[in-house]
Amino acid sequence: MPRRRGAPGPGAPRAGSTTPKQVLVTGGAGFIGANLCRALADNPAVERIVVLDDLSTGRAENLTGVSGVELIE
């Protein structure tokens, strides 16, 4: 039987899941990425945020004040 459109696939977290999440944000030192990291940092379900950015247009300073973020250049 085919899945309904938008239905979670196998291995997808179930609603109400309390498993801590690890998130990778590419381009996270840019304007949009940094704001996404701030929103993720406020989410209690997110345990770790890793930012991957070459800093060609973004700036590490954009992540100042965001707790729990690891920046990888």
N, C-alpha and C. Protein backbone atom coordinates (compact mmCIF):
# COMPACT_ATOMS: atom_id res chain seq x y z
N MET A 1 0.85 -1.18 0.00
CA MET A 1 0.00 0.00 0.00
C MET A 1 0.90 1.24 0.00
N PRO A 2 0.69 2.18 -0.91
CA PRO A 2 1.52 3.39 -0.95
C PRO A 2 1.23 4.30 0.24
N ARG A 3 2.28 5.05 0.62
CA ARG A 3 2.12 6.01 1.71
C ARG A 3 1.30 7.21 1.24
N ARG A 4 0.61 7.81 2.19
CA ARG A 4 -0.09 9.05 1.89
C ARG A 4 0.94 10.15 1.69
N ARG A 5 0.63 11.09 0.84
CA ARG A 5 1.52 12.22 0.62
C ARG A 5 1.67 13.00 1.93
N GLY A 6 2.91 13.28 2.31
CA GLY A 6 3.16 14.01 3.55
C GLY A 6 3.24 13.13 4.78
N ALA A 7 2.94 11.84 4.63
CA ALA A 7 3.02 10.93 5.78
C ALA A 7 4.48 10.61 6.06
N PRO A 8 4.85 10.48 7.33
CA PRO A 8 6.24 10.18 7.66
C PRO A 8 6.64 8.81 7.15
N GLY A 9 7.88 8.71 6.70
CA GLY A 9 8.40 7.45 6.19
C GLY A 9 8.95 6.58 7.30
N PRO A 10 9.47 5.43 6.96
CA PRO A 10 10.04 4.55 7.95
C PRO A 10 11.21 5.23 8.66
N GLY A 11 11.30 5.07 9.96
CA GLY A 11 12.38 5.66 10.73
C GLY A 11 12.15 7.11 11.10
N ALA A 12 11.04 7.70 10.66
CA ALA A 12 10.74 9.09 11.01
C ALA A 12 10.34 9.18 12.47
N PRO A 13 10.73 10.26 13.15
CA PRO A 13 10.35 10.38 14.56
C PRO A 13 8.84 10.47 14.71
N ARG A 14 8.35 9.89 15.75
CA ARG A 14 6.91 9.93 16.02
C ARG A 14 6.54 11.22 16.73
N ALA A 15 5.31 11.62 16.59
CA ALA A 15 4.84 12.83 17.26
C ALA A 15 5.02 12.66 18.76
N GLY A 16 5.52 13.69 19.41
CA GLY A 16 5.73 13.63 20.85
C GLY A 16 7.03 12.96 21.24
N SER A 17 7.88 12.67 20.25
CA SER A 17 9.16 12.04 20.53
C SER A 17 10.03 12.97 21.36
N THR A 18 10.69 12.44 22.37
CA THR A 18 11.54 13.26 23.23
C THR A 18 13.02 12.97 23.01
N THR A 19 13.35 12.29 21.91
CA THR A 19 14.75 12.02 21.61
C THR A 19 15.46 13.32 21.28
N PRO A 20 16.58 13.62 21.95
CA PRO A 20 17.31 14.86 21.64
C PRO A 20 17.79 14.86 20.19
N LYS A 21 17.69 15.99 19.55
CA LYS A 21 18.04 16.12 18.13
C LYS A 21 19.39 16.81 17.97
N GLN A 22 20.12 16.38 16.95
CA GLN A 22 21.34 17.04 16.53
C GLN A 22 21.06 17.60 15.15
N VAL A 23 21.40 18.88 14.95
CA VAL A 23 21.04 19.56 13.71
C VAL A 23 22.29 20.11 13.04
N LEU A 24 22.40 19.91 11.73
CA LEU A 24 23.46 20.50 10.92
C LEU A 24 22.85 21.62 10.09
N VAL A 25 23.41 22.82 10.22
CA VAL A 25 22.93 23.98 9.46
C VAL A 25 24.05 24.39 8.51
N THR A 26 23.82 24.25 7.21
CA THR A 26 24.81 24.71 6.24
C THR A 26 24.56 26.19 5.96
N GLY A 27 25.64 26.95 5.91
CA GLY A 27 25.50 28.39 5.71
C GLY A 27 24.97 29.08 6.95
N GLY A 28 25.24 28.53 8.11
CA GLY A 28 24.66 29.04 9.35
C GLY A 28 25.24 30.33 9.86
N ALA A 29 26.33 30.82 9.26
CA ALA A 29 26.91 32.09 9.71
C ALA A 29 26.37 33.28 8.91
N GLY A 30 25.50 33.01 7.97
CA GLY A 30 24.85 34.09 7.22
C GLY A 30 23.65 34.62 7.99
N PHE A 31 22.99 35.60 7.42
CA PHE A 31 21.85 36.23 8.10
C PHE A 31 20.72 35.23 8.39
N ILE A 32 20.29 34.51 7.37
CA ILE A 32 19.18 33.57 7.55
C ILE A 32 19.60 32.40 8.42
N GLY A 33 20.78 31.85 8.16
CA GLY A 33 21.26 30.70 8.92
C GLY A 33 21.44 31.01 10.39
N ALA A 34 21.97 32.19 10.71
CA ALA A 34 22.17 32.57 12.11
C ALA A 34 20.84 32.71 12.83
N ASN A 35 19.85 33.27 12.16
CA ASN A 35 18.52 33.38 12.78
C ASN A 35 17.88 32.01 12.95
N LEU A 36 18.11 31.12 12.01
CA LEU A 36 17.63 29.75 12.17
C LEU A 36 18.29 29.09 13.38
N CYS A 37 19.59 29.31 13.55
CA CYS A 37 20.30 28.75 14.70
C CYS A 37 19.74 29.29 16.01
N ARG A 38 19.40 30.57 16.05
CA ARG A 38 18.80 31.15 17.26
C ARG A 38 17.47 30.46 17.58
N ALA A 39 16.66 30.24 16.57
CA ALA A 39 15.37 29.57 16.78
C ALA A 39 15.58 28.13 17.24
N LEU A 40 16.54 27.44 16.65
CA LEU A 40 16.82 26.07 17.05
C LEU A 40 17.35 26.00 18.47
N ALA A 41 18.18 26.98 18.86
CA ALA A 41 18.74 27.00 20.21
C ALA A 41 17.65 27.18 21.27
N ASP A 42 16.56 27.82 20.90
CA ASP A 42 15.43 28.01 21.82
C ASP A 42 14.54 26.78 21.92
N ASN A 43 14.73 25.82 21.03
CA ASN A 43 13.91 24.61 21.01
C ASN A 43 14.50 23.58 21.97
N PRO A 44 13.76 23.19 23.01
CA PRO A 44 14.29 22.24 23.99
C PRO A 44 14.57 20.85 23.43
N ALA A 45 14.01 20.52 22.28
CA ALA A 45 14.24 19.20 21.70
C ALA A 45 15.58 19.11 20.97
N VAL A 46 16.21 20.27 20.72
CA VAL A 46 17.49 20.30 20.00
C VAL A 46 18.62 20.31 21.02
N GLU A 47 19.46 19.28 20.95
CA GLU A 47 20.56 19.13 21.90
C GLU A 47 21.85 19.76 21.38
N ARG A 48 22.07 19.68 20.09
CA ARG A 48 23.34 20.12 19.51
C ARG A 48 23.09 20.74 18.14
N ILE A 49 23.77 21.87 17.88
CA ILE A 49 23.68 22.55 16.59
C ILE A 49 25.09 22.67 16.03
N VAL A 50 25.30 22.12 14.85
CA VAL A 50 26.58 22.23 14.16
C VAL A 50 26.37 23.09 12.93
N VAL A 51 27.20 24.14 12.80
CA VAL A 51 27.12 25.05 11.66
C VAL A 51 28.30 24.77 10.75
N LEU A 52 28.01 24.55 9.49
CA LEU A 52 29.03 24.35 8.47
C LEU A 52 28.98 25.55 7.53
N ASP A 53 30.05 26.35 7.53
CA ASP A 53 30.05 27.56 6.72
C ASP A 53 31.49 27.89 6.32
N ASP A 54 31.71 28.29 5.06
CA ASP A 54 33.05 28.66 4.61
C ASP A 54 33.34 30.14 4.86
N LEU A 55 32.38 30.86 5.42
CA LEU A 55 32.50 32.28 5.77
C LEU A 55 32.83 33.16 4.56
N SER A 56 32.44 32.72 3.37
CA SER A 56 32.68 33.55 2.18
C SER A 56 31.74 34.75 2.16
N THR A 57 30.52 34.58 2.66
CA THR A 57 29.60 35.72 2.77
C THR A 57 29.08 35.89 4.18
N GLY A 58 29.11 34.82 4.97
CA GLY A 58 28.67 34.91 6.35
C GLY A 58 29.80 35.33 7.27
N ARG A 59 29.46 35.63 8.51
CA ARG A 59 30.46 36.06 9.49
C ARG A 59 30.24 35.28 10.79
N ALA A 60 31.32 34.84 11.40
CA ALA A 60 31.23 34.10 12.66
C ALA A 60 30.56 34.95 13.73
N GLU A 61 30.70 36.25 13.66
CA GLU A 61 30.10 37.16 14.64
C GLU A 61 28.57 37.08 14.64
N ASN A 62 27.99 36.63 13.53
CA ASN A 62 26.53 36.49 13.47
C ASN A 62 26.02 35.44 14.46
N LEU A 63 26.90 34.56 14.90
CA LEU A 63 26.49 33.50 15.84
C LEU A 63 26.81 33.87 17.29
N THR A 64 27.34 35.06 17.52
CA THR A 64 27.63 35.50 18.88
C THR A 64 26.35 35.54 19.70
N GLY A 65 26.41 34.96 20.86
CA GLY A 65 25.25 34.94 21.75
C GLY A 65 24.34 33.74 21.56
N VAL A 66 24.59 32.92 20.57
CA VAL A 66 23.79 31.72 20.35
C VAL A 66 24.49 30.58 21.08
N SER A 67 23.85 30.05 22.10
CA SER A 67 24.49 29.04 22.92
C SER A 67 24.42 27.65 22.28
N GLY A 68 25.46 26.88 22.51
CA GLY A 68 25.48 25.50 22.06
C GLY A 68 25.71 25.29 20.58
N VAL A 69 26.32 26.28 19.90
CA VAL A 69 26.56 26.15 18.46
C VAL A 69 28.03 25.87 18.23
N GLU A 70 28.31 24.88 17.40
CA GLU A 70 29.67 24.55 17.01
C GLU A 70 29.85 24.96 15.55
N LEU A 71 30.83 25.84 15.29
CA LEU A 71 31.08 26.33 13.93
C LEU A 71 32.24 25.55 13.32
N ILE A 72 32.00 24.98 12.15
CA ILE A 72 33.03 24.29 11.40
C ILE A 72 33.22 25.04 10.08
N GLU A 73 34.47 25.48 9.85
CA GLU A 73 34.77 26.20 8.61
C GLU A 73 35.24 25.26 7.54
